[in-house]
Structures are given as C-alpha cells and as structure tokens.
Amino acid sequence: MASFDELLKDLAHPNPNIREQACQMMADQHPDLALPKLLELIHDPDPQVYRTAVKGIGVVGHSALPDLLQLFASSESGTVRACCIKALVQIAVNFPDQLFSSDVLNVLEKALDDPSPVVAQSSLMTLGYLAKQAGQVDQVVPLLVSVCSSQNIAHVQGAAMALAEVESPLVDDCLKALSEDPEKDSLIREVAEASIARRAALQSH
C-alpha cells in the first residue's frame, strides 16, 4: 500500500492518469488524511487538479458531506462551489445505495438560484441524476417540477429533459402543462413536447 506522502507527490505528476489514480488511492486508503487535502485542491487554479480532487472526494463518499456542504456555503468562488456540487454527483455515482439527506437536497435546491450559472447548471444536472435513483424520486421530482416554472429558459430546458427519463405521475402532468401553455416561450413548449416524445419512446421499449 502506498504511503500518503507518496500519493501526495503523485498528485503533482504531469500524467493525468497517475494523478487520478493517486487521488482515488488516497481517498480509498487514507480517507481521514485525504479529505482535507482534496478540499484544499478544489481551490487550485488548474482545472485538471480540481477536477481530479472532485473525483477523489467522490471516492471518500458520504463522510465528506459535512465538510463539503460547509465549503459550499462559505466559499465566494463560483468554481469552488461548482466543484462541491460536482463532488455530490460523484458520491452518488460511487455509492448508489446510500441516499442523500434532506440537508443535501436543500443545498442543491438553493444552488439552482446561485449567481454562478455553472453552479446552477451543475445542481440541475445533479438533481437530474438523483431523480433516476429509486430512493430519491419522491424528494427530487417535485424540485425538478418546480424548476419548470422558472423564468430561466435554460433551467426549464434542463429540468424538462431530466424529467423525460423519470418514472413518476407528476412528470406527465408537468410536461403536458408546459407543452400546452400559450404563455410559455415557444422553445420551452418544444422542449416539453420533445420530452413527452422521449418518455413515450422509453416506455415502449
């Protein structure tokens, strides 16, 4: 087993595969030491470094959540906040059987209104992913449905497309209402119609 210091050196390696492997091994084998370091690396100006750190936090898993949520709440950097949200989806991918608490979902809901569009979009994508997990559907689908009432066309598009792949009676009503609302932008109505068609195609398979 590689020591923490050895893995730390590998994080500066020019080969991205070695950096990523070191990050994952660090999170897997030395989680208590790794988490503070990975949270620190989220602040690195190099996109390759902070993306690698996000993947490492995903390997640490749910024990990282308190520090991750605290960093999200306290950081003034849109990039750092976006990394926190992206780390949540990595945790969800790596630990699909462990559900997120209402605290995490509340943060994702607030993040939809973040001044940074990257943070808001990352949150929307994360909610779209969580909506497909059986245990989270009941909490996440109402959030995505509420986004469909937003004035932000990009948000409505993202939410409608995410809902297209979700099994829930709420979704059919929401998409039908969007597609038939004459006051909605024509682009939104088109997205809703496309999402309805996608649902029908998925259900016929």
N, C-alpha and C. Protein backbone atom coordinates (compact mmCIF):
# COMPACT_ATOMS: atom_id res chain seq x y z
N MET A 1 0.85 -1.20 0.00
CA MET A 1 0.00 0.00 0.00
C MET A 1 0.88 1.25 0.00
N ALA A 2 0.61 2.16 -0.90
CA ALA A 2 1.39 3.39 -0.99
C ALA A 2 1.12 4.28 0.22
N SER A 3 2.18 4.97 0.67
CA SER A 3 2.00 5.88 1.80
C SER A 3 1.28 7.14 1.33
N PHE A 4 0.73 7.86 2.29
CA PHE A 4 0.02 9.10 1.97
C PHE A 4 0.95 10.10 1.29
N ASP A 5 2.20 10.19 1.80
CA ASP A 5 3.17 11.14 1.24
C ASP A 5 3.53 10.79 -0.20
N GLU A 6 3.64 9.48 -0.49
CA GLU A 6 3.94 9.06 -1.86
C GLU A 6 2.81 9.46 -2.81
N LEU A 7 1.59 9.22 -2.35
CA LEU A 7 0.43 9.56 -3.18
C LEU A 7 0.32 11.07 -3.37
N LEU A 8 0.70 11.81 -2.32
CA LEU A 8 0.68 13.27 -2.39
C LEU A 8 1.61 13.77 -3.49
N LYS A 9 2.79 13.14 -3.59
CA LYS A 9 3.75 13.51 -4.64
C LYS A 9 3.16 13.21 -6.02
N ASP A 10 2.45 12.08 -6.13
CA ASP A 10 1.87 11.70 -7.42
C ASP A 10 0.78 12.66 -7.88
N LEU A 11 0.20 13.42 -6.93
CA LEU A 11 -0.84 14.39 -7.31
C LEU A 11 -0.26 15.51 -8.19
N ALA A 12 1.05 15.69 -8.12
CA ALA A 12 1.70 16.73 -8.93
C ALA A 12 2.29 16.16 -10.22
N HIS A 13 2.05 14.88 -10.47
CA HIS A 13 2.62 14.21 -11.64
C HIS A 13 2.02 14.79 -12.93
N PRO A 14 2.86 14.97 -13.98
CA PRO A 14 2.31 15.53 -15.23
C PRO A 14 1.31 14.61 -15.95
N ASN A 15 1.37 13.32 -15.66
CA ASN A 15 0.44 12.38 -16.31
C ASN A 15 -0.91 12.41 -15.58
N PRO A 16 -1.99 12.82 -16.26
CA PRO A 16 -3.30 12.92 -15.58
C PRO A 16 -3.80 11.58 -15.05
N ASN A 17 -3.46 10.48 -15.71
CA ASN A 17 -3.91 9.16 -15.23
C ASN A 17 -3.28 8.81 -13.90
N ILE A 18 -2.00 9.17 -13.74
CA ILE A 18 -1.31 8.90 -12.46
C ILE A 18 -1.89 9.79 -11.37
N ARG A 19 -2.18 11.05 -11.72
CA ARG A 19 -2.79 11.96 -10.73
C ARG A 19 -4.13 11.41 -10.26
N GLU A 20 -4.93 10.97 -11.21
CA GLU A 20 -6.27 10.48 -10.86
C GLU A 20 -6.19 9.21 -10.02
N GLN A 21 -5.28 8.32 -10.41
CA GLN A 21 -5.12 7.07 -9.65
C GLN A 21 -4.66 7.36 -8.22
N ALA A 22 -3.71 8.32 -8.09
CA ALA A 22 -3.21 8.70 -6.75
C ALA A 22 -4.34 9.27 -5.90
N CYS A 23 -5.17 10.08 -6.54
CA CYS A 23 -6.29 10.70 -5.84
C CYS A 23 -7.27 9.65 -5.33
N GLN A 24 -7.56 8.69 -6.17
CA GLN A 24 -8.52 7.64 -5.79
C GLN A 24 -7.94 6.73 -4.71
N MET A 25 -6.64 6.40 -4.86
CA MET A 25 -5.99 5.54 -3.84
C MET A 25 -5.92 6.27 -2.50
N MET A 26 -5.63 7.55 -2.57
CA MET A 26 -5.54 8.36 -1.35
C MET A 26 -6.89 8.37 -0.62
N ALA A 27 -7.95 8.60 -1.39
CA ALA A 27 -9.30 8.65 -0.81
C ALA A 27 -9.72 7.28 -0.27
N ASP A 28 -9.31 6.24 -0.96
CA ASP A 28 -9.70 4.88 -0.60
C ASP A 28 -8.93 4.36 0.61
N GLN A 29 -7.62 4.63 0.63
CA GLN A 29 -6.74 4.03 1.64
C GLN A 29 -6.46 4.96 2.83
N HIS A 30 -6.55 6.25 2.61
CA HIS A 30 -6.26 7.22 3.70
C HIS A 30 -7.35 8.28 3.76
N PRO A 31 -8.64 7.87 3.90
CA PRO A 31 -9.72 8.87 3.78
C PRO A 31 -9.64 10.02 4.78
N ASP A 32 -9.21 9.75 6.02
CA ASP A 32 -9.17 10.83 7.02
C ASP A 32 -8.14 11.89 6.67
N LEU A 33 -7.00 11.43 6.13
CA LEU A 33 -5.96 12.38 5.73
C LEU A 33 -6.30 13.01 4.38
N ALA A 34 -6.96 12.22 3.54
CA ALA A 34 -7.21 12.67 2.17
C ALA A 34 -8.20 13.82 2.08
N LEU A 35 -9.27 13.76 2.85
CA LEU A 35 -10.35 14.73 2.67
C LEU A 35 -9.90 16.18 2.81
N PRO A 36 -9.16 16.55 3.89
CA PRO A 36 -8.71 17.95 3.97
C PRO A 36 -7.87 18.35 2.77
N LYS A 37 -7.01 17.43 2.31
CA LYS A 37 -6.14 17.73 1.18
C LYS A 37 -6.96 17.91 -0.10
N LEU A 38 -7.93 17.03 -0.32
CA LEU A 38 -8.75 17.11 -1.53
C LEU A 38 -9.59 18.39 -1.54
N LEU A 39 -10.10 18.77 -0.37
CA LEU A 39 -10.88 20.02 -0.28
C LEU A 39 -9.98 21.23 -0.57
N GLU A 40 -8.72 21.11 -0.15
CA GLU A 40 -7.75 22.18 -0.44
C GLU A 40 -7.48 22.26 -1.95
N LEU A 41 -7.36 21.09 -2.59
CA LEU A 41 -7.05 21.04 -4.02
C LEU A 41 -8.19 21.57 -4.89
N ILE A 42 -9.42 21.56 -4.34
CA ILE A 42 -10.55 22.14 -5.08
C ILE A 42 -10.28 23.62 -5.40
N HIS A 43 -9.46 24.27 -4.55
CA HIS A 43 -9.16 25.69 -4.74
C HIS A 43 -8.03 25.93 -5.75
N ASP A 44 -7.41 24.87 -6.24
CA ASP A 44 -6.29 25.02 -7.18
C ASP A 44 -6.78 25.68 -8.47
N PRO A 45 -5.99 26.60 -9.03
CA PRO A 45 -6.44 27.26 -10.26
C PRO A 45 -6.42 26.35 -11.50
N ASP A 46 -5.69 25.25 -11.41
CA ASP A 46 -5.58 24.34 -12.56
C ASP A 46 -6.83 23.44 -12.65
N PRO A 47 -7.62 23.54 -13.74
CA PRO A 47 -8.83 22.72 -13.85
C PRO A 47 -8.57 21.22 -13.72
N GLN A 48 -7.42 20.76 -14.21
CA GLN A 48 -7.11 19.32 -14.12
C GLN A 48 -6.97 18.89 -12.66
N VAL A 49 -6.39 19.79 -11.85
CA VAL A 49 -6.18 19.46 -10.44
C VAL A 49 -7.52 19.43 -9.70
N TYR A 50 -8.36 20.48 -9.89
CA TYR A 50 -9.60 20.48 -9.11
C TYR A 50 -10.59 19.43 -9.59
N ARG A 51 -10.54 19.09 -10.89
CA ARG A 51 -11.42 18.00 -11.37
C ARG A 51 -11.00 16.66 -10.78
N THR A 52 -9.69 16.45 -10.66
CA THR A 52 -9.18 15.22 -10.05
C THR A 52 -9.59 15.15 -8.58
N ALA A 53 -9.52 16.29 -7.89
CA ALA A 53 -9.91 16.35 -6.48
C ALA A 53 -11.38 16.01 -6.30
N VAL A 54 -12.22 16.49 -7.22
CA VAL A 54 -13.66 16.20 -7.17
C VAL A 54 -13.90 14.69 -7.24
N LYS A 55 -13.17 14.02 -8.15
CA LYS A 55 -13.31 12.57 -8.28
C LYS A 55 -12.84 11.86 -7.01
N GLY A 56 -11.78 12.38 -6.41
CA GLY A 56 -11.28 11.79 -5.16
C GLY A 56 -12.28 11.90 -4.03
N ILE A 57 -12.94 13.06 -3.94
CA ILE A 57 -13.96 13.25 -2.90
C ILE A 57 -15.11 12.28 -3.13
N GLY A 58 -15.41 12.00 -4.39
CA GLY A 58 -16.44 11.01 -4.71
C GLY A 58 -16.11 9.64 -4.16
N VAL A 59 -14.82 9.32 -4.11
CA VAL A 59 -14.38 8.02 -3.57
C VAL A 59 -14.47 8.02 -2.04
N VAL A 60 -14.18 9.17 -1.41
CA VAL A 60 -14.30 9.27 0.07
C VAL A 60 -15.74 8.97 0.48
N GLY A 61 -16.69 9.51 -0.29
CA GLY A 61 -18.10 9.17 -0.05
C GLY A 61 -18.80 10.06 0.94
N HIS A 62 -19.81 9.50 1.59
CA HIS A 62 -20.74 10.30 2.40
C HIS A 62 -20.11 10.94 3.63
N SER A 63 -18.99 10.41 4.09
CA SER A 63 -18.32 11.03 5.24
C SER A 63 -17.78 12.42 4.88
N ALA A 64 -17.66 12.70 3.58
CA ALA A 64 -17.17 14.01 3.14
C ALA A 64 -18.25 15.08 3.16
N LEU A 65 -19.52 14.67 3.28
CA LEU A 65 -20.64 15.62 3.08
C LEU A 65 -20.63 16.83 4.03
N PRO A 66 -20.43 16.64 5.34
CA PRO A 66 -20.48 17.83 6.22
C PRO A 66 -19.47 18.91 5.80
N ASP A 67 -18.22 18.49 5.52
CA ASP A 67 -17.19 19.47 5.13
C ASP A 67 -17.48 20.05 3.75
N LEU A 68 -18.01 19.22 2.87
CA LEU A 68 -18.32 19.66 1.51
C LEU A 68 -19.43 20.72 1.52
N LEU A 69 -20.48 20.47 2.29
CA LEU A 69 -21.60 21.43 2.38
C LEU A 69 -21.17 22.73 3.05
N GLN A 70 -20.29 22.59 4.03
CA GLN A 70 -19.79 23.79 4.72
C GLN A 70 -18.95 24.65 3.76
N LEU A 71 -18.11 23.97 2.95
CA LEU A 71 -17.29 24.70 1.98
C LEU A 71 -18.18 25.38 0.94
N PHE A 72 -19.22 24.69 0.50
CA PHE A 72 -20.15 25.28 -0.47
C PHE A 72 -20.78 26.55 0.11
N ALA A 73 -21.20 26.47 1.35
CA ALA A 73 -21.89 27.60 1.98
C ALA A 73 -20.97 28.79 2.22
N SER A 74 -19.68 28.52 2.43
CA SER A 74 -18.76 29.59 2.84
C SER A 74 -17.93 30.17 1.70
N SER A 75 -17.83 29.46 0.58
CA SER A 75 -16.92 29.91 -0.48
C SER A 75 -17.53 31.03 -1.33
N GLU A 76 -16.70 32.01 -1.66
CA GLU A 76 -17.14 33.09 -2.55
C GLU A 76 -16.79 32.79 -4.00
N SER A 77 -16.09 31.67 -4.23
CA SER A 77 -15.67 31.31 -5.58
C SER A 77 -16.72 30.43 -6.26
N GLY A 78 -17.20 30.88 -7.41
CA GLY A 78 -18.17 30.07 -8.17
C GLY A 78 -17.58 28.74 -8.59
N THR A 79 -16.29 28.73 -8.92
CA THR A 79 -15.63 27.49 -9.33
C THR A 79 -15.60 26.49 -8.18
N VAL A 80 -15.27 26.96 -6.98
CA VAL A 80 -15.23 26.08 -5.80
C VAL A 80 -16.62 25.55 -5.49
N ARG A 81 -17.63 26.42 -5.55
CA ARG A 81 -19.00 25.98 -5.28
C ARG A 81 -19.45 24.94 -6.31
N ALA A 82 -19.09 25.18 -7.57
CA ALA A 82 -19.44 24.20 -8.63
C ALA A 82 -18.76 22.86 -8.38
N CYS A 83 -17.51 22.91 -7.92
CA CYS A 83 -16.78 21.67 -7.60
C CYS A 83 -17.49 20.91 -6.48
N CYS A 84 -17.98 21.63 -5.49
CA CYS A 84 -18.70 20.99 -4.37
C CYS A 84 -19.93 20.25 -4.90
N ILE A 85 -20.68 20.89 -5.80
CA ILE A 85 -21.88 20.27 -6.37
C ILE A 85 -21.50 19.06 -7.22
N LYS A 86 -20.44 19.20 -8.01
CA LYS A 86 -20.00 18.09 -8.86
C LYS A 86 -19.49 16.92 -8.02
N ALA A 87 -18.91 17.22 -6.86
CA ALA A 87 -18.46 16.16 -5.96
C ALA A 87 -19.67 15.37 -5.42
N LEU A 88 -20.80 16.05 -5.24
CA LEU A 88 -22.01 15.37 -4.77
C LEU A 88 -22.45 14.30 -5.77
N VAL A 89 -22.41 14.65 -7.05
CA VAL A 89 -22.85 13.66 -8.05
C VAL A 89 -21.85 12.50 -8.12
N GLN A 90 -20.56 12.79 -7.90
CA GLN A 90 -19.55 11.71 -7.87
C GLN A 90 -19.82 10.76 -6.71
N ILE A 91 -20.21 11.32 -5.57
CA ILE A 91 -20.55 10.49 -4.40
C ILE A 91 -21.76 9.62 -4.73
N ALA A 92 -22.76 10.23 -5.38
CA ALA A 92 -23.97 9.49 -5.75
C ALA A 92 -23.66 8.35 -6.71
N VAL A 93 -22.74 8.61 -7.65
CA VAL A 93 -22.35 7.58 -8.63
C VAL A 93 -21.63 6.42 -7.94
N ASN A 94 -20.73 6.76 -7.01
CA ASN A 94 -19.92 5.73 -6.34
C ASN A 94 -20.67 4.97 -5.26
N PHE A 95 -21.68 5.61 -4.69
CA PHE A 95 -22.44 4.97 -3.59
C PHE A 95 -23.94 5.04 -3.89
N PRO A 96 -24.38 4.35 -4.94
CA PRO A 96 -25.78 4.47 -5.38
C PRO A 96 -26.81 3.98 -4.37
N ASP A 97 -26.38 3.14 -3.43
CA ASP A 97 -27.34 2.60 -2.46
C ASP A 97 -27.50 3.49 -1.23
N GLN A 98 -26.67 4.52 -1.11
CA GLN A 98 -26.77 5.43 0.04
C GLN A 98 -27.45 6.72 -0.40
N LEU A 99 -28.58 7.01 0.20
CA LEU A 99 -29.36 8.18 -0.22
C LEU A 99 -28.85 9.45 0.44
N PHE A 100 -29.07 10.57 -0.24
CA PHE A 100 -28.72 11.87 0.34
C PHE A 100 -29.82 12.32 1.30
N SER A 101 -29.41 13.02 2.35
CA SER A 101 -30.36 13.53 3.33
C SER A 101 -31.03 14.79 2.78
N SER A 102 -32.06 15.25 3.49
CA SER A 102 -32.76 16.47 3.08
C SER A 102 -31.81 17.68 3.11
N ASP A 103 -30.79 17.65 3.98
CA ASP A 103 -29.81 18.75 4.03
C ASP A 103 -29.13 18.93 2.68
N VAL A 104 -28.72 17.81 2.09
CA VAL A 104 -28.04 17.86 0.79
C VAL A 104 -29.00 18.35 -0.29
N LEU A 105 -30.22 17.84 -0.28
CA LEU A 105 -31.21 18.25 -1.28
C LEU A 105 -31.56 19.74 -1.14
N ASN A 106 -31.58 20.23 0.10
CA ASN A 106 -31.83 21.66 0.32
C ASN A 106 -30.73 22.52 -0.30
N VAL A 107 -29.48 22.04 -0.16
CA VAL A 107 -28.35 22.76 -0.74
C VAL A 107 -28.46 22.77 -2.26
N LEU A 108 -28.84 21.62 -2.84
CA LEU A 108 -29.00 21.55 -4.29
C LEU A 108 -30.12 22.48 -4.77
N GLU A 109 -31.18 22.57 -3.99
CA GLU A 109 -32.30 23.45 -4.35
C GLU A 109 -31.85 24.91 -4.33
N LYS A 110 -31.10 25.29 -3.27
CA LYS A 110 -30.61 26.67 -3.18
C LYS A 110 -29.62 26.97 -4.31
N ALA A 111 -28.83 25.94 -4.67
CA ALA A 111 -27.80 26.13 -5.70
C ALA A 111 -28.41 26.43 -7.07
N LEU A 112 -29.68 26.08 -7.26
CA LEU A 112 -30.35 26.39 -8.53
C LEU A 112 -30.44 27.89 -8.76
N ASP A 113 -30.43 28.67 -7.67
CA ASP A 113 -30.51 30.13 -7.78
C ASP A 113 -29.15 30.80 -7.56
N ASP A 114 -28.08 30.00 -7.63
CA ASP A 114 -26.74 30.55 -7.40
C ASP A 114 -26.41 31.60 -8.46
N PRO A 115 -25.70 32.68 -8.05
CA PRO A 115 -25.34 33.70 -9.04
C PRO A 115 -24.43 33.17 -10.15
N SER A 116 -23.71 32.09 -9.87
CA SER A 116 -22.86 31.50 -10.91
C SER A 116 -23.68 30.51 -11.76
N PRO A 117 -23.79 30.76 -13.08
CA PRO A 117 -24.57 29.84 -13.92
C PRO A 117 -24.00 28.42 -13.94
N VAL A 118 -22.68 28.30 -13.74
CA VAL A 118 -22.07 26.96 -13.73
C VAL A 118 -22.54 26.17 -12.52
N VAL A 119 -22.65 26.85 -11.38
CA VAL A 119 -23.15 26.20 -10.16
C VAL A 119 -24.60 25.76 -10.35
N ALA A 120 -25.42 26.67 -10.88
CA ALA A 120 -26.84 26.38 -11.07
C ALA A 120 -27.03 25.20 -12.03
N GLN A 121 -26.26 25.21 -13.12
CA GLN A 121 -26.38 24.14 -14.11
C GLN A 121 -25.89 22.81 -13.54
N SER A 122 -24.81 22.85 -12.74
CA SER A 122 -24.29 21.64 -12.11
C SER A 122 -25.31 21.05 -11.14
N SER A 123 -26.01 21.93 -10.43
CA SER A 123 -27.03 21.48 -9.49
C SER A 123 -28.19 20.81 -10.23
N LEU A 124 -28.58 21.40 -11.33
CA LEU A 124 -29.67 20.85 -12.15
C LEU A 124 -29.30 19.46 -12.67
N MET A 125 -28.05 19.33 -13.14
CA MET A 125 -27.59 18.03 -13.64
C MET A 125 -27.55 16.98 -12.52
N THR A 126 -27.13 17.43 -11.33
CA THR A 126 -27.07 16.52 -10.18
C THR A 126 -28.47 16.04 -9.80
N LEU A 127 -29.43 16.97 -9.76
CA LEU A 127 -30.82 16.60 -9.45
C LEU A 127 -31.38 15.65 -10.52
N GLY A 128 -31.01 15.90 -11.78
CA GLY A 128 -31.45 15.02 -12.86
C GLY A 128 -30.92 13.61 -12.67
N TYR A 129 -29.69 13.51 -12.20
CA TYR A 129 -29.10 12.19 -11.94
C TYR A 129 -29.80 11.51 -10.76
N LEU A 130 -30.00 12.28 -9.68
CA LEU A 130 -30.62 11.71 -8.47
C LEU A 130 -32.06 11.27 -8.71
N ALA A 131 -32.74 11.96 -9.64
CA ALA A 131 -34.15 11.63 -9.92
C ALA A 131 -34.31 10.21 -10.46
N LYS A 132 -33.22 9.67 -11.01
CA LYS A 132 -33.28 8.32 -11.57
C LYS A 132 -33.01 7.25 -10.51
N GLN A 133 -32.64 7.68 -9.29
CA GLN A 133 -32.38 6.72 -8.22
C GLN A 133 -33.67 6.49 -7.44
N ALA A 134 -34.07 5.22 -7.40
CA ALA A 134 -35.39 4.87 -6.84
C ALA A 134 -35.69 5.55 -5.50
N GLY A 135 -34.74 5.55 -4.59
CA GLY A 135 -34.99 6.06 -3.24
C GLY A 135 -35.11 7.57 -3.16
N GLN A 136 -34.68 8.30 -4.21
CA GLN A 136 -34.69 9.77 -4.16
C GLN A 136 -35.80 10.39 -5.00
N VAL A 137 -36.51 9.58 -5.77
CA VAL A 137 -37.51 10.12 -6.72
C VAL A 137 -38.51 11.03 -6.04
N ASP A 138 -39.07 10.60 -4.92
CA ASP A 138 -40.15 11.36 -4.28
C ASP A 138 -39.71 12.73 -3.80
N GLN A 139 -38.41 12.85 -3.44
CA GLN A 139 -37.92 14.16 -2.99
C GLN A 139 -37.45 15.03 -4.15
N VAL A 140 -36.86 14.38 -5.16
CA VAL A 140 -36.19 15.15 -6.22
C VAL A 140 -37.15 15.60 -7.32
N VAL A 141 -38.10 14.75 -7.69
CA VAL A 141 -39.01 15.10 -8.80
C VAL A 141 -39.76 16.41 -8.52
N PRO A 142 -40.33 16.62 -7.32
CA PRO A 142 -41.00 17.91 -7.07
C PRO A 142 -40.08 19.12 -7.26
N LEU A 143 -38.79 18.95 -6.94
CA LEU A 143 -37.84 20.06 -7.15
C LEU A 143 -37.69 20.36 -8.64
N LEU A 144 -37.53 19.30 -9.44
CA LEU A 144 -37.39 19.50 -10.89
C LEU A 144 -38.67 20.05 -11.51
N VAL A 145 -39.82 19.61 -10.99
CA VAL A 145 -41.10 20.13 -11.48
C VAL A 145 -41.20 21.62 -11.18
N SER A 146 -40.75 22.03 -9.99
CA SER A 146 -40.83 23.45 -9.63
C SER A 146 -39.89 24.29 -10.50
N VAL A 147 -38.76 23.69 -10.93
CA VAL A 147 -37.84 24.41 -11.82
C VAL A 147 -38.51 24.70 -13.16
N CYS A 148 -39.45 23.86 -13.56
CA CYS A 148 -40.15 24.07 -14.84
C CYS A 148 -41.01 25.33 -14.84
N SER A 149 -41.22 25.93 -13.66
CA SER A 149 -41.96 27.20 -13.57
C SER A 149 -41.01 28.40 -13.58
N SER A 150 -39.70 28.13 -13.68
CA SER A 150 -38.69 29.19 -13.63
C SER A 150 -38.79 30.12 -14.84
N GLN A 151 -38.28 31.32 -14.68
CA GLN A 151 -38.20 32.27 -15.80
C GLN A 151 -36.95 32.01 -16.65
N ASN A 152 -36.06 31.18 -16.10
CA ASN A 152 -34.79 30.88 -16.78
C ASN A 152 -35.01 29.74 -17.79
N ILE A 153 -34.97 30.08 -19.08
CA ILE A 153 -35.29 29.09 -20.13
C ILE A 153 -34.33 27.91 -20.08
N ALA A 154 -33.05 28.20 -19.85
CA ALA A 154 -32.05 27.11 -19.80
C ALA A 154 -32.37 26.12 -18.68
N HIS A 155 -32.82 26.67 -17.54
CA HIS A 155 -33.19 25.81 -16.41
C HIS A 155 -34.40 24.94 -16.75
N VAL A 156 -35.39 25.56 -17.35
CA VAL A 156 -36.61 24.81 -17.71
C VAL A 156 -36.26 23.70 -18.71
N GLN A 157 -35.42 24.04 -19.69
CA GLN A 157 -34.98 23.04 -20.66
C GLN A 157 -34.31 21.86 -19.97
N GLY A 158 -33.36 22.18 -19.08
CA GLY A 158 -32.61 21.13 -18.38
C GLY A 158 -33.51 20.26 -17.52
N ALA A 159 -34.45 20.91 -16.81
CA ALA A 159 -35.36 20.17 -15.93
C ALA A 159 -36.30 19.28 -16.74
N ALA A 160 -36.85 19.81 -17.83
CA ALA A 160 -37.78 19.04 -18.66
C ALA A 160 -37.08 17.83 -19.28
N MET A 161 -35.83 18.04 -19.72
CA MET A 161 -35.08 16.93 -20.32
C MET A 161 -34.74 15.87 -19.28
N ALA A 162 -34.43 16.32 -18.07
CA ALA A 162 -34.14 15.36 -16.99
C ALA A 162 -35.40 14.57 -16.62
N LEU A 163 -36.53 15.26 -16.57
CA LEU A 163 -37.80 14.60 -16.19
C LEU A 163 -38.25 13.57 -17.23
N ALA A 164 -37.82 13.74 -18.47
CA ALA A 164 -38.23 12.82 -19.54
C ALA A 164 -37.86 11.38 -19.20
N GLU A 165 -36.81 11.21 -18.40
CA GLU A 165 -36.31 9.86 -18.13
C GLU A 165 -36.72 9.34 -16.74
N VAL A 166 -37.65 10.03 -16.09
CA VAL A 166 -38.01 9.68 -14.71
C VAL A 166 -39.40 9.06 -14.65
N GLU A 167 -39.53 8.01 -13.85
CA GLU A 167 -40.84 7.36 -13.66
C GLU A 167 -41.58 8.03 -12.51
N SER A 168 -42.56 8.85 -12.83
CA SER A 168 -43.38 9.50 -11.80
C SER A 168 -44.60 10.11 -12.46
N PRO A 169 -45.80 9.92 -11.86
CA PRO A 169 -47.01 10.52 -12.43
C PRO A 169 -46.96 12.05 -12.47
N LEU A 170 -46.19 12.65 -11.58
CA LEU A 170 -46.07 14.11 -11.56
C LEU A 170 -45.48 14.63 -12.86
N VAL A 171 -44.60 13.80 -13.48
CA VAL A 171 -43.88 14.24 -14.66
C VAL A 171 -44.82 14.45 -15.85
N ASP A 172 -45.73 13.50 -16.08
CA ASP A 172 -46.64 13.61 -17.22
C ASP A 172 -47.47 14.89 -17.14
N ASP A 173 -48.00 15.18 -15.95
CA ASP A 173 -48.82 16.39 -15.78
C ASP A 173 -48.00 17.65 -16.04
N CYS A 174 -46.77 17.65 -15.52
CA CYS A 174 -45.89 18.82 -15.64
C CYS A 174 -45.56 19.09 -17.11
N LEU A 175 -45.12 18.07 -17.83
CA LEU A 175 -44.70 18.25 -19.23
C LEU A 175 -45.89 18.61 -20.13
N LYS A 176 -47.05 18.00 -19.84
CA LYS A 176 -48.26 18.30 -20.63
C LYS A 176 -48.64 19.78 -20.45
N ALA A 177 -48.59 20.23 -19.19
CA ALA A 177 -48.94 21.63 -18.91
C ALA A 177 -47.97 22.59 -19.60
N LEU A 178 -46.68 22.24 -19.59
CA LEU A 178 -45.68 23.09 -20.23
C LEU A 178 -45.90 23.16 -21.74
N SER A 179 -46.18 22.00 -22.33
CA SER A 179 -46.30 21.94 -23.79
C SER A 179 -47.54 22.68 -24.29
N GLU A 180 -48.56 22.82 -23.42
CA GLU A 180 -49.83 23.41 -23.85
C GLU A 180 -50.04 24.85 -23.37
N ASP A 181 -49.05 25.39 -22.64
CA ASP A 181 -49.19 26.73 -22.07
C ASP A 181 -48.85 27.79 -23.13
N PRO A 182 -49.83 28.53 -23.62
CA PRO A 182 -49.57 29.51 -24.70
C PRO A 182 -48.68 30.67 -24.24
N GLU A 183 -48.59 30.86 -22.91
CA GLU A 183 -47.78 31.97 -22.41
C GLU A 183 -46.30 31.62 -22.31
N LYS A 184 -45.98 30.33 -22.45
CA LYS A 184 -44.58 29.90 -22.36
C LYS A 184 -43.87 30.20 -23.68
N ASP A 185 -42.58 30.44 -23.57
CA ASP A 185 -41.74 30.62 -24.76
C ASP A 185 -41.88 29.39 -25.66
N SER A 186 -41.88 29.62 -26.98
CA SER A 186 -42.07 28.51 -27.92
C SER A 186 -40.97 27.45 -27.76
N LEU A 187 -39.78 27.90 -27.38
CA LEU A 187 -38.65 26.96 -27.17
C LEU A 187 -38.97 26.00 -26.03
N ILE A 188 -39.57 26.53 -24.96
CA ILE A 188 -39.92 25.70 -23.80
C ILE A 188 -41.00 24.69 -24.20
N ARG A 189 -41.99 25.16 -24.97
CA ARG A 189 -43.05 24.23 -25.41
C ARG A 189 -42.47 23.11 -26.27
N GLU A 190 -41.50 23.48 -27.13
CA GLU A 190 -40.86 22.47 -27.98
C GLU A 190 -40.08 21.45 -27.15
N VAL A 191 -39.36 21.95 -26.14
CA VAL A 191 -38.59 21.04 -25.26
C VAL A 191 -39.54 20.10 -24.53
N ALA A 192 -40.65 20.64 -24.05
CA ALA A 192 -41.64 19.82 -23.34
C ALA A 192 -42.21 18.75 -24.26
N GLU A 193 -42.51 19.14 -25.50
CA GLU A 193 -43.04 18.16 -26.48
C GLU A 193 -42.00 17.07 -26.77
N ALA A 194 -40.74 17.49 -26.91
CA ALA A 194 -39.66 16.53 -27.17
C ALA A 194 -39.49 15.58 -25.98
N SER A 195 -39.64 16.12 -24.77
CA SER A 195 -39.51 15.29 -23.56
C SER A 195 -40.66 14.29 -23.47
N ILE A 196 -41.86 14.72 -23.84
CA ILE A 196 -43.02 13.81 -23.86
C ILE A 196 -42.78 12.68 -24.85
N ALA A 197 -42.26 13.05 -26.03
CA ALA A 197 -41.98 12.04 -27.07
C ALA A 197 -40.90 11.06 -26.58
N ARG A 198 -39.90 11.61 -25.88
CA ARG A 198 -38.82 10.74 -25.37
C ARG A 198 -39.37 9.77 -24.33
N ARG A 199 -40.26 10.27 -23.47
CA ARG A 199 -40.88 9.40 -22.46
C ARG A 199 -41.65 8.25 -23.13
N ALA A 200 -42.40 8.61 -24.16
CA ALA A 200 -43.20 7.62 -24.86
C ALA A 200 -42.29 6.56 -25.50
N ALA A 201 -41.17 7.02 -26.07
CA ALA A 201 -40.23 6.10 -26.70
C ALA A 201 -39.59 5.17 -25.67
N LEU A 202 -39.22 5.73 -24.53
CA LEU A 202 -38.60 4.92 -23.46
C LEU A 202 -39.58 3.89 -22.90
N GLN A 203 -40.85 4.31 -22.77
CA GLN A 203 -41.85 3.42 -22.19
C GLN A 203 -42.27 2.30 -23.15
N SER A 204 -42.07 2.53 -24.45
CA SER A 204 -42.47 1.50 -25.43
C SER A 204 -41.41 0.41 -25.59
N HIS A 205 -40.23 0.66 -25.02
CA HIS A 205 -39.15 -0.34 -25.15
C HIS A 205 -39.29 -1.43 -24.12
